[in-house]
Amino acid sequence: MLSVDVNIEMVRVDAHCTTAGAVCPGCGAWSTRVHSSYLRFPADVPSAGRSVVLQLRVRRFRCRNTLCSRRTFVEQIPGLTRRHGQRTERLRSTLALVGLALAGRAGARLTAILGVSVSRSTVLRLIDTLPEPEAPAPRVVGVDEYATRKGRHYGTVLVDVETRRPIDLLPDREASSLAAWLAQRPGVEVVCRDRAPFFAEGATTSAPQAVQVADRWHLWHNLSEAAERSVAQHRGCLRALAPTASEPGPEAVPADPSASPWPRGHRFADRTRARHAAVHALLTAGHSRRSIQRQLKMTYRTVKQFADAASPEELFTGQWQNRPSVLDDYKPYLDDRWSEGYTNAWKLWEEIVPLGYQGSYQRVRAYLHDKRTSPRPVTARPPSPRAVAGWILRHPDTLTESGRLRLKSVRAHCPELDALTGHVRSFAAMLTERQGERLPDWLDAVRQDDLPSLHTLAAGIDRDRDAVIAGLTLPWNSGVVEGHVNRIKMLKRQMFGRAGFALLRKRVLMS
């Protein structure tokens, strides 16, 4: 007979069990001889924020098998208790699920709010005792690396691309580890990967029947880096795009502050002049720069900057006037129109609005005012290599009218960058339209132009040609794997240094 007392403050529930015997866990023999009764007090799932403790009166059996090492044993209630368990099975599973979602510290804080007081180590131990999940044999596998300590130690995550779920974690990113994992799963037909050599070697060694697919995002990323390097190698062509101006006369030094590009009343200019005057007043009084640093509560570098400047106007160069502006993309157009003799700010503003300019008329007026009054020629700076690479890599239909015109000017002034633009757009068409059979012709065309960075990229692609062609042809990619890599980063940081490989693997595979 089994009696159950449930203590939720003053609530009491009685239950009965009709089990006539029990199976000995030592030898498996069926035992019916009762030796004695035994009380157990396992904790159960809390109710309405209150702790629940079950009082179980269970029977202790004596094993009839004289050869059994376990003479006596206590009966267990299926689905409720286990040997030496201080908690019911449903409370154990609840705490384990909380641990899978929040790890140790956060999980312990949440369970305390719910009415169960456990330590973070207990939560982690419950996760560790969970059985290994059984994943079905995958057909399409995605493989990528994740960092356990960035720059020093990396592991490998494997994902079933069809079900979009992780199926295993490896403690390193060696080719031998991946090869051993694939050797145990001969049913793998497709391996999605980046162009890392250790993944290619491991897949080739143990899964020669599988088709290796290079990820398209990584291919485009590699092409983007090579394109930016090529533009940087031809930055001399970009300098030639800046409009040339006639030689200016001797530069006139402003005789009074009102001639400065930063007039009186400007908050930044007034503050700079006041601090410059304070620093030089203390220097004249004989104070050292360290003393000025303590008195004015500045850094030593700031004090040195003010002390070395003879006038506050010297400190204005390179400040706000070099920050990006919505007018930057249209300054070359304004410079060209200015050189043609068109100097009316309102008319020029009306001309650039249809080109996509969304700024105010005052910006255009201020820029043209500087061109009229400055002793030096005011022209737009040449575009940066990164900006030109962005124009080349964007789809032509998404370029603004200003960007399209500036890219056209770049291509007209530099044949190498014109060829680079053609190669990039050709590769983009291959990638979006899944025309991998055009890759050999693209590689041959790249080698015929003077573009060393693209030559390096072409050589790397040629060494992995089959996988790249498959990546440009088949619908599979590693996007889902990259998503799980980001999730691993979150799980790893959530455990505050307790993320050993075994624990991290459980949380990744079972969350």
Protein backbone atom coordinates (compact mmCIF):
# COMPACT_ATOMS: atom_id res chain seq x y z
CA MET A 1 0.00 0.00 0.00
CA LEU A 2 1.36 3.43 -0.95
CA SER A 3 0.17 6.66 0.66
CA VAL A 4 0.99 10.12 -0.72
CA ASP A 5 0.89 13.34 1.28
CA VAL A 6 1.18 16.56 -0.74
CA ASN A 7 2.10 19.55 1.43
CA ILE A 8 1.25 22.92 -0.10
CA GLU A 9 0.95 24.81 3.11
CA MET A 10 -2.34 23.30 4.51
CA VAL A 11 -3.44 21.25 1.47
CA ARG A 12 -3.32 17.43 1.78
CA VAL A 13 -3.90 14.83 -0.95
CA ASP A 14 -3.91 11.05 -0.45
CA ALA A 15 -3.23 8.46 -3.16
CA HIS A 16 -2.94 4.68 -3.26
CA CYS A 17 -0.77 2.21 -5.18
CA THR A 18 -1.71 -1.40 -5.90
CA THR A 19 1.73 -2.66 -6.94
CA ALA A 20 2.11 -6.24 -5.69
CA GLY A 21 5.83 -6.59 -6.34
CA ALA A 22 8.89 -5.02 -7.93
CA VAL A 23 11.80 -5.93 -10.20
CA CYS A 24 15.23 -5.94 -8.57
CA PRO A 25 17.46 -3.37 -10.31
CA GLY A 26 20.52 -5.49 -9.51
CA CYS A 27 19.64 -8.83 -11.08
CA GLY A 28 16.27 -8.25 -12.73
CA ALA A 29 14.48 -10.87 -10.65
CA TRP A 30 10.87 -10.27 -9.65
CA SER A 31 10.66 -9.83 -5.88
CA THR A 32 7.46 -9.87 -3.84
CA ARG A 33 8.74 -10.16 -0.32
CA VAL A 34 8.33 -6.88 1.59
CA HIS A 35 11.14 -6.12 4.00
CA SER A 36 9.93 -2.81 5.44
CA SER A 37 8.35 0.55 4.55
CA TYR A 38 10.26 3.75 3.80
CA LEU A 39 9.39 7.47 3.71
CA ARG A 40 10.57 9.75 0.90
CA PHE A 41 10.09 13.52 0.52
CA PRO A 42 10.78 14.50 -3.13
CA ALA A 43 10.17 18.10 -4.18
CA ASP A 44 7.59 18.61 -6.90
CA VAL A 45 6.71 21.37 -9.35
CA PRO A 46 5.59 24.47 -7.40
CA SER A 47 1.97 25.52 -7.49
CA ALA A 48 0.99 29.23 -7.57
CA GLY A 49 4.51 30.15 -6.47
CA ARG A 50 4.39 27.84 -3.43
CA SER A 51 6.77 24.96 -2.82
CA VAL A 52 5.34 21.46 -3.13
CA VAL A 53 6.81 18.50 -1.23
CA LEU A 54 5.44 14.96 -1.63
CA GLN A 55 5.48 12.57 1.33
CA LEU A 56 5.76 9.07 -0.12
CA ARG A 57 5.48 5.90 1.93
CA VAL A 58 7.11 3.27 -0.25
CA ARG A 59 8.00 -0.37 0.32
CA ARG A 60 11.47 -1.83 0.63
CA PHE A 61 11.80 -5.28 -0.98
CA ARG A 62 14.25 -8.04 -0.31
CA CYS A 63 15.68 -9.76 -3.37
CA ARG A 64 15.19 -13.53 -3.33
CA ASN A 65 18.24 -14.14 -5.50
CA THR A 66 20.99 -15.07 -3.08
CA LEU A 67 23.66 -14.29 -5.68
CA CYS A 68 22.43 -10.71 -6.16
CA SER A 69 24.72 -8.05 -4.72
CA ARG A 70 21.75 -5.84 -3.90
CA ARG A 71 19.92 -7.49 -1.00
CA THR A 72 17.22 -4.85 -0.60
CA PHE A 73 15.82 -2.12 -2.79
CA VAL A 74 13.05 0.47 -2.68
CA GLU A 75 10.26 0.48 -5.19
CA GLN A 76 10.16 3.37 -7.67
CA ILE A 77 7.06 5.01 -9.07
CA PRO A 78 7.36 5.24 -12.88
CA GLY A 79 7.26 8.82 -14.11
CA LEU A 80 7.54 10.23 -10.59
CA THR A 81 10.73 9.11 -8.78
CA ARG A 82 14.15 7.64 -9.41
CA ARG A 83 16.90 6.19 -7.20
CA HIS A 84 18.44 8.75 -4.84
CA GLY A 85 16.32 11.47 -6.46
CA GLN A 86 15.41 14.48 -4.35
CA ARG A 87 13.00 15.80 -6.98
CA THR A 88 10.19 14.34 -9.00
CA GLU A 89 10.76 13.61 -12.66
CA ARG A 90 8.58 16.45 -13.84
CA LEU A 91 10.45 18.93 -11.61
CA ARG A 92 13.78 17.61 -12.94
CA SER A 93 12.60 18.02 -16.52
CA THR A 94 11.28 21.54 -15.77
CA LEU A 95 14.60 22.63 -14.24
CA ALA A 96 16.50 21.07 -17.14
CA LEU A 97 14.40 22.96 -19.68
CA VAL A 98 14.97 26.22 -17.79
CA GLY A 99 18.70 25.48 -17.80
CA LEU A 100 18.72 24.79 -21.53
CA ALA A 101 17.08 28.15 -22.15
CA LEU A 102 18.90 30.33 -19.63
CA ALA A 103 21.95 28.38 -18.36
CA GLY A 104 23.00 28.40 -14.70
CA ARG A 105 22.83 31.86 -13.14
CA ALA A 106 19.79 33.17 -15.00
CA GLY A 107 18.05 29.80 -14.66
CA ALA A 108 18.59 29.71 -10.89
CA ARG A 109 17.20 33.24 -10.57
CA LEU A 110 14.09 32.32 -12.55
CA THR A 111 13.43 29.11 -10.58
CA ALA A 112 13.72 31.06 -7.31
CA ILE A 113 10.96 33.38 -8.54
CA LEU A 114 8.82 30.36 -9.49
CA GLY A 115 9.22 28.83 -6.01
CA VAL A 116 12.09 26.34 -6.40
CA SER A 117 15.38 27.15 -4.70
CA VAL A 118 18.30 25.55 -6.57
CA SER A 119 21.87 26.66 -7.24
CA ARG A 120 23.28 27.42 -10.65
CA SER A 121 25.54 24.34 -10.40
CA THR A 122 22.51 22.13 -9.83
CA VAL A 123 20.87 23.51 -12.95
CA LEU A 124 24.00 22.78 -14.97
CA ARG A 125 24.26 19.25 -13.55
CA LEU A 126 20.67 18.54 -14.56
CA ILE A 127 21.50 19.64 -18.10
CA ASP A 128 24.55 17.39 -18.09
CA THR A 129 22.48 14.33 -17.13
CA LEU A 130 20.12 14.71 -20.08
CA PRO A 131 20.46 11.89 -22.64
CA GLU A 132 22.11 12.58 -25.97
CA PRO A 133 19.58 13.49 -28.67
CA GLU A 134 19.28 11.05 -31.54
CA ALA A 135 19.46 12.91 -34.84
CA PRO A 136 18.31 11.19 -38.05
CA ALA A 137 20.89 10.47 -40.71
CA PRO A 138 21.30 13.71 -42.67
CA ARG A 139 21.37 13.97 -46.44
CA VAL A 140 22.51 17.61 -46.81
CA VAL A 141 25.01 18.78 -44.20
CA GLY A 142 26.19 22.33 -43.56
CA VAL A 143 29.54 22.75 -41.83
CA ASP A 144 31.17 25.86 -40.42
CA GLU A 145 33.49 26.94 -37.62
CA TYR A 146 32.61 28.69 -34.38
CA ALA A 147 34.96 30.36 -31.94
CA THR A 148 35.25 29.18 -28.35
CA ARG A 149 37.97 31.80 -27.94
CA LYS A 150 38.23 34.10 -30.92
CA GLY A 151 41.59 34.01 -32.65
CA ARG A 152 42.84 31.06 -30.58
CA HIS A 153 40.48 28.11 -30.44
CA TYR A 154 37.72 27.07 -32.82
CA GLY A 155 35.25 24.21 -33.10
CA THR A 156 33.00 22.86 -35.84
CA VAL A 157 29.21 22.92 -36.01
CA LEU A 158 27.28 20.61 -38.32
CA VAL A 159 23.70 21.37 -39.34
CA ASP A 160 21.08 19.39 -41.23
CA VAL A 161 20.29 21.93 -43.94
CA GLU A 162 16.96 20.30 -44.83
CA THR A 163 15.55 20.35 -41.28
CA ARG A 164 17.59 23.46 -40.31
CA ARG A 165 18.62 21.91 -36.98
CA PRO A 166 22.13 21.34 -35.57
CA ILE A 167 23.09 17.69 -35.43
CA ASP A 168 26.54 17.75 -33.83
CA LEU A 169 29.40 19.86 -32.49
CA LEU A 170 33.07 18.96 -32.83
CA PRO A 171 35.68 20.29 -30.36
CA ASP A 172 38.06 21.46 -33.11
CA ARG A 173 38.10 22.36 -36.79
CA GLU A 174 40.63 19.81 -37.97
CA ALA A 175 40.12 17.95 -41.24
CA SER A 176 40.60 14.62 -39.46
CA SER A 177 37.71 15.30 -37.04
CA LEU A 178 35.32 16.15 -39.87
CA ALA A 179 36.52 13.14 -41.85
CA ALA A 180 35.88 10.80 -38.91
CA TRP A 181 32.37 12.24 -38.44
CA LEU A 182 31.48 11.86 -42.12
CA ALA A 183 32.90 8.32 -42.23
CA GLN A 184 30.24 7.24 -39.73
CA ARG A 185 27.47 8.69 -41.93
CA PRO A 186 27.82 7.31 -45.45
CA GLY A 187 24.40 8.66 -46.45
CA VAL A 188 25.58 12.27 -46.74
CA GLU A 189 25.03 13.46 -50.32
CA VAL A 190 25.77 17.22 -50.13
CA VAL A 191 28.25 19.14 -47.96
CA CYS A 192 27.72 22.92 -47.78
CA ARG A 193 30.84 24.76 -46.61
CA ASP A 194 32.89 27.88 -47.02
CA ARG A 195 36.21 27.78 -48.85
CA ALA A 196 38.29 26.81 -45.78
CA PRO A 197 40.86 24.18 -46.80
CA PHE A 198 40.42 21.94 -43.73
CA PHE A 199 36.69 21.44 -44.43
CA ALA A 200 37.39 20.69 -48.08
CA GLU A 201 40.07 18.16 -47.16
CA GLY A 202 37.92 16.43 -44.55
CA ALA A 203 34.93 16.14 -46.90
CA THR A 204 37.06 14.86 -49.77
CA THR A 205 38.75 12.22 -47.61
CA SER A 206 35.72 10.53 -46.04
CA ALA A 207 32.80 11.53 -48.28
CA PRO A 208 34.04 11.35 -51.88
CA GLN A 209 30.48 10.54 -52.99
CA ALA A 210 29.15 13.83 -51.61
CA VAL A 211 28.86 16.99 -53.69
CA GLN A 212 30.71 19.88 -52.04
CA VAL A 213 28.94 23.23 -52.35
CA ALA A 214 30.78 26.52 -51.74
CA ASP A 215 28.61 29.08 -50.01
CA ARG A 216 27.50 31.93 -52.28
CA TRP A 217 27.66 34.61 -49.58
CA HIS A 218 31.32 33.82 -48.93
CA LEU A 219 32.04 33.93 -52.66
CA TRP A 220 30.48 37.38 -52.95
CA HIS A 221 32.28 38.54 -49.81
CA ASN A 222 35.62 37.40 -51.23
CA LEU A 223 34.87 39.19 -54.50
CA SER A 224 33.94 42.36 -52.58
CA GLU A 225 37.26 42.37 -50.72
CA ALA A 226 39.19 41.79 -53.94
CA ALA A 227 37.27 44.60 -55.68
CA GLU A 228 38.03 47.08 -52.90
CA ARG A 229 41.73 46.18 -53.02
CA SER A 230 41.74 46.70 -56.78
CA VAL A 231 40.14 50.14 -56.45
CA ALA A 232 42.70 51.08 -53.78
CA GLN A 233 45.51 50.08 -56.13
CA HIS A 234 44.16 52.61 -58.67
CA ARG A 235 43.44 55.49 -56.31
CA GLY A 236 45.56 57.69 -58.57
CA CYS A 237 42.72 57.59 -61.09
CA LEU A 238 40.36 58.81 -58.39
CA ARG A 239 42.51 61.84 -57.62
CA ALA A 240 42.28 62.84 -61.26
CA LEU A 241 38.51 63.07 -60.90
CA ALA A 242 38.77 66.14 -58.63
CA PRO A 243 38.09 69.26 -60.72
CA THR A 244 41.23 71.24 -61.44
CA ALA A 245 41.23 74.94 -60.64
CA SER A 246 43.46 77.75 -61.73
CA GLU A 247 46.39 78.61 -59.51
CA PRO A 248 45.16 80.84 -56.70
CA GLY A 249 46.93 84.00 -55.73
CA PRO A 250 48.73 84.47 -52.46
CA GLU A 251 46.56 83.26 -49.64
CA ALA A 252 45.21 86.09 -47.56
CA VAL A 253 45.39 85.52 -43.83
CA PRO A 254 42.24 86.72 -42.07
CA ALA A 255 42.98 89.87 -40.18
CA ASP A 256 40.10 89.50 -37.76
CA PRO A 257 38.04 86.61 -36.43
CA SER A 258 35.08 87.53 -38.62
CA ALA A 259 37.12 86.40 -41.66
CA SER A 260 37.52 82.91 -40.17
CA PRO A 261 35.46 80.08 -41.63
CA TRP A 262 34.06 79.69 -38.09
CA PRO A 263 32.40 83.05 -37.24
CA ARG A 264 31.59 84.49 -33.85
CA GLY A 265 28.49 83.03 -32.27
CA HIS A 266 29.19 79.45 -33.39
CA ARG A 267 29.17 77.25 -30.32
CA PHE A 268 32.13 75.10 -31.33
CA ALA A 269 34.19 78.08 -32.46
CA ASP A 270 33.54 80.13 -29.31
CA ARG A 271 34.40 77.23 -27.03
CA THR A 272 37.61 76.53 -28.91
CA ARG A 273 38.70 80.18 -28.78
CA ALA A 274 37.96 80.38 -25.03
CA ARG A 275 39.96 77.25 -24.23
CA HIS A 276 42.83 78.38 -26.47
CA ALA A 277 42.94 81.74 -24.66
CA ALA A 278 42.88 80.05 -21.24
CA VAL A 279 45.74 77.70 -22.10
CA HIS A 280 47.95 80.47 -23.50
CA ALA A 281 47.18 82.75 -20.53
CA LEU A 282 48.43 80.09 -18.14
CA LEU A 283 51.49 79.42 -20.30
CA THR A 284 52.31 83.15 -20.24
CA ALA A 285 51.97 83.13 -16.45
CA GLY A 286 54.66 80.45 -16.25
CA HIS A 287 52.57 77.32 -15.62
CA SER A 288 53.72 74.00 -17.03
CA ARG A 289 51.58 71.94 -19.33
CA ARG A 290 51.03 69.34 -16.61
CA SER A 291 49.83 72.08 -14.28
CA ILE A 292 47.47 73.40 -16.97
CA GLN A 293 46.17 69.86 -17.49
CA ARG A 294 45.22 69.61 -13.79
CA GLN A 295 43.74 73.09 -13.55
CA LEU A 296 41.62 72.93 -16.70
CA LYS A 297 40.86 69.19 -16.36
CA MET A 298 42.05 68.40 -19.87
CA THR A 299 44.11 65.55 -21.18
CA TYR A 300 47.78 66.25 -21.80
CA ARG A 301 47.27 65.68 -25.52
CA THR A 302 44.54 68.36 -25.64
CA VAL A 303 46.71 70.84 -23.74
CA LYS A 304 49.58 70.20 -26.15
CA GLN A 305 47.28 70.71 -29.13
CA PHE A 306 46.10 74.11 -27.83
CA ALA A 307 49.60 75.16 -26.79
CA ASP A 308 51.13 74.37 -30.19
CA ALA A 309 48.46 76.36 -32.07
CA ALA A 310 49.39 80.02 -32.52
CA SER A 311 45.77 80.99 -33.17
CA PRO A 312 42.47 79.19 -32.58
CA GLU A 313 41.77 79.19 -36.32
CA GLU A 314 44.52 76.58 -36.75
CA LEU A 315 42.43 74.18 -34.67
CA PHE A 316 39.40 74.40 -36.94
CA THR A 317 40.99 72.48 -39.82
CA GLY A 318 39.77 68.90 -40.00
CA GLN A 319 36.83 69.37 -37.67
CA TRP A 320 33.17 69.37 -38.64
CA GLN A 321 33.81 70.45 -42.21
CA ASN A 322 35.19 66.98 -43.01
CA ARG A 323 32.18 65.11 -41.73
CA PRO A 324 29.97 63.34 -44.31
CA SER A 325 27.18 65.47 -45.74
CA VAL A 326 24.15 64.72 -47.86
CA LEU A 327 25.63 67.12 -50.42
CA ASP A 328 28.91 65.18 -50.86
CA ASP A 329 27.63 63.02 -53.72
CA TYR A 330 26.50 66.12 -55.65
CA LYS A 331 29.53 68.36 -55.15
CA PRO A 332 31.29 67.10 -58.32
CA TYR A 333 28.21 68.05 -60.32
CA LEU A 334 28.13 71.49 -58.70
CA ASP A 335 31.86 71.92 -59.38
CA ASP A 336 31.36 71.10 -63.05
CA ARG A 337 28.48 73.53 -63.37
CA TRP A 338 30.48 76.20 -61.49
CA SER A 339 33.40 75.80 -63.89
CA GLU A 340 30.92 76.23 -66.79
CA GLY A 341 29.86 79.58 -65.37
CA TYR A 342 26.62 78.65 -63.64
CA THR A 343 26.83 80.24 -60.16
CA ASN A 344 23.20 80.75 -59.14
CA ALA A 345 22.66 78.66 -56.00
CA TRP A 346 18.88 78.41 -56.41
CA LYS A 347 19.11 77.21 -60.02
CA LEU A 348 21.79 74.66 -59.15
CA TRP A 349 19.70 73.40 -56.22
CA GLU A 350 16.76 72.91 -58.59
CA GLU A 351 19.03 70.92 -60.92
CA ILE A 352 20.29 68.43 -58.29
CA VAL A 353 16.89 67.76 -56.69
CA PRO A 354 15.77 65.55 -59.65
CA LEU A 355 19.12 63.71 -59.33
CA GLY A 356 18.11 62.51 -55.86
CA TYR A 357 19.34 65.28 -53.55
CA GLN A 358 17.13 65.44 -50.44
CA GLY A 359 18.94 68.12 -48.48
CA SER A 360 18.10 71.76 -48.03
CA TYR A 361 18.79 74.71 -50.29
CA GLN A 362 20.88 76.30 -47.51
CA ARG A 363 23.54 73.59 -47.83
CA VAL A 364 23.94 74.31 -51.54
CA ARG A 365 24.03 78.05 -50.89
CA ALA A 366 26.68 77.67 -48.15
CA TYR A 367 28.87 75.48 -50.37
CA LEU A 368 28.75 77.96 -53.25
CA HIS A 369 29.33 80.85 -50.82
CA ASP A 370 32.56 79.16 -49.70
CA LYS A 371 33.61 78.83 -53.35
CA ARG A 372 33.07 82.56 -53.85
CA THR A 373 34.77 83.82 -50.69
CA SER A 374 37.53 81.31 -49.98
CA PRO A 375 41.05 82.30 -51.12
CA ARG A 376 41.67 78.65 -51.96
CA PRO A 377 39.65 76.75 -54.56
CA VAL A 378 36.84 74.81 -52.90
CA THR A 379 36.17 71.57 -54.74
CA ALA A 380 34.78 68.17 -53.85
CA ARG A 381 37.26 65.66 -52.53
CA PRO A 382 37.89 62.65 -54.76
CA PRO A 383 35.77 59.62 -53.83
CA SER A 384 37.33 57.11 -51.47
CA PRO A 385 38.21 53.59 -52.71
CA ARG A 386 35.55 52.18 -50.41
CA ALA A 387 32.88 54.44 -51.90
CA VAL A 388 33.87 53.53 -55.47
CA ALA A 389 33.89 49.83 -54.56
CA GLY A 390 30.37 50.28 -53.18
CA TRP A 391 29.19 51.77 -56.47
CA ILE A 392 30.74 48.89 -58.39
CA LEU A 393 29.27 46.20 -56.13
CA ARG A 394 25.73 47.58 -56.02
CA HIS A 395 23.14 46.57 -58.56
CA PRO A 396 22.95 49.29 -61.26
CA ASP A 397 19.22 49.73 -60.65
CA THR A 398 19.77 50.56 -56.96
CA LEU A 399 22.35 53.30 -57.58
CA THR A 400 21.30 56.89 -57.13
CA GLU A 401 21.54 59.17 -60.13
CA SER A 402 24.56 60.87 -58.57
CA GLY A 403 26.28 57.56 -57.88
CA ARG A 404 25.58 56.38 -61.40
CA LEU A 405 27.10 59.53 -62.90
CA ARG A 406 30.16 59.37 -60.65
CA LEU A 407 30.72 55.70 -61.43
CA LYS A 408 30.44 56.51 -65.13
CA SER A 409 33.11 59.17 -64.68
CA VAL A 410 35.36 56.73 -62.83
CA ARG A 411 35.03 54.13 -65.58
CA ALA A 412 35.78 56.73 -68.24
CA HIS A 413 38.99 57.86 -66.52
CA CYS A 414 40.34 54.41 -65.56
CA PRO A 415 40.20 51.42 -67.96
CA GLU A 416 41.21 49.02 -65.17
CA LEU A 417 38.27 50.02 -62.99
CA ASP A 418 36.00 49.83 -66.04
CA ALA A 419 37.13 46.23 -66.55
CA LEU A 420 36.69 45.54 -62.83
CA THR A 421 33.09 46.77 -62.98
CA GLY A 422 32.36 44.47 -65.89
CA HIS A 423 33.84 41.42 -64.11
CA VAL A 424 31.93 42.14 -60.90
CA ARG A 425 28.61 42.50 -62.70
CA SER A 426 29.25 39.37 -64.71
CA PHE A 427 29.95 37.40 -61.54
CA ALA A 428 26.84 38.85 -59.90
CA ALA A 429 24.75 37.65 -62.85
CA MET A 430 26.24 34.15 -62.51
CA LEU A 431 25.49 34.11 -58.78
CA THR A 432 21.89 35.35 -58.93
CA GLU A 433 20.87 33.44 -62.03
CA ARG A 434 22.66 30.17 -60.98
CA GLN A 435 24.82 29.97 -64.11
CA GLY A 436 27.81 28.13 -62.71
CA GLU A 437 28.77 26.76 -66.11
CA ARG A 438 29.98 30.26 -67.06
CA LEU A 439 32.67 30.28 -64.33
CA PRO A 440 35.59 28.97 -66.52
CA ASP A 441 34.97 31.72 -69.08
CA TRP A 442 34.81 34.31 -66.30
CA LEU A 443 38.15 33.14 -64.89
CA ASP A 444 39.78 33.37 -68.33
CA ALA A 445 38.42 36.88 -68.83
CA VAL A 446 39.74 38.02 -65.43
CA ARG A 447 43.25 36.82 -66.19
CA GLN A 448 43.39 38.94 -69.35
CA ASP A 449 43.17 42.26 -67.44
CA ASP A 450 45.72 43.96 -65.21
CA LEU A 451 43.89 43.34 -61.93
CA PRO A 452 46.26 41.54 -59.48
CA SER A 453 43.70 41.29 -56.67
CA LEU A 454 41.20 39.58 -58.96
CA HIS A 455 43.97 37.31 -60.22
CA THR A 456 44.56 36.15 -56.63
CA LEU A 457 40.84 35.52 -56.19
CA ALA A 458 40.67 33.63 -59.49
CA ALA A 459 43.59 31.41 -58.45
CA GLY A 460 41.82 30.50 -55.20
CA ILE A 461 38.55 29.79 -56.98
CA ASP A 462 40.36 27.67 -59.56
CA ARG A 463 41.75 25.44 -56.80
CA ASP A 464 38.20 24.83 -55.57
CA ARG A 465 36.49 25.03 -58.94
CA ASP A 466 34.07 22.09 -58.58
CA ALA A 467 32.67 23.32 -55.26
CA VAL A 468 32.33 26.88 -56.56
CA ILE A 469 30.51 25.73 -59.70
CA ALA A 470 28.17 23.66 -57.51
CA GLY A 471 27.59 26.69 -55.27
CA LEU A 472 26.71 28.83 -58.30
CA THR A 473 24.39 26.14 -59.66
CA LEU A 474 22.67 24.23 -56.83
CA PRO A 475 20.09 25.78 -54.45
CA TRP A 476 21.96 24.77 -51.27
CA ASN A 477 23.87 27.30 -49.17
CA SER A 478 25.28 27.76 -45.65
CA GLY A 479 22.93 30.51 -44.51
CA VAL A 480 21.26 28.35 -41.86
CA VAL A 481 24.69 27.35 -40.52
CA GLU A 482 25.68 31.00 -40.06
CA GLY A 483 22.52 31.53 -38.04
CA HIS A 484 23.45 28.71 -35.67
CA VAL A 485 26.99 30.09 -35.33
CA ASN A 486 25.47 33.35 -34.07
CA ARG A 487 23.30 31.39 -31.63
CA ILE A 488 26.35 29.54 -30.33
CA LYS A 489 27.99 32.89 -29.57
CA MET A 490 24.98 33.87 -27.49
CA LEU A 491 24.85 30.57 -25.61
CA LYS A 492 28.59 30.62 -24.94
CA ARG A 493 28.55 34.13 -23.48
CA GLN A 494 25.43 33.40 -21.46
CA MET A 495 27.24 30.83 -19.33
CA PHE A 496 29.89 33.22 -17.97
CA GLY A 497 32.93 30.99 -18.43
CA ARG A 498 31.18 27.72 -17.49
CA ALA A 499 30.69 26.80 -21.15
CA GLY A 500 32.76 23.66 -21.38
CA PHE A 501 32.46 21.77 -24.61
CA ALA A 502 30.16 19.05 -23.25
CA LEU A 503 27.76 21.55 -21.70
CA LEU A 504 27.81 23.82 -24.74
CA ARG A 505 27.11 20.86 -27.00
CA LYS A 506 24.08 19.84 -24.94
CA ARG A 507 22.61 23.33 -25.04
CA VAL A 508 23.19 23.73 -28.80
CA LEU A 509 21.70 20.36 -29.73
CA MET A 510 18.78 20.38 -27.29
CA SER A 511 17.69 24.02 -27.04
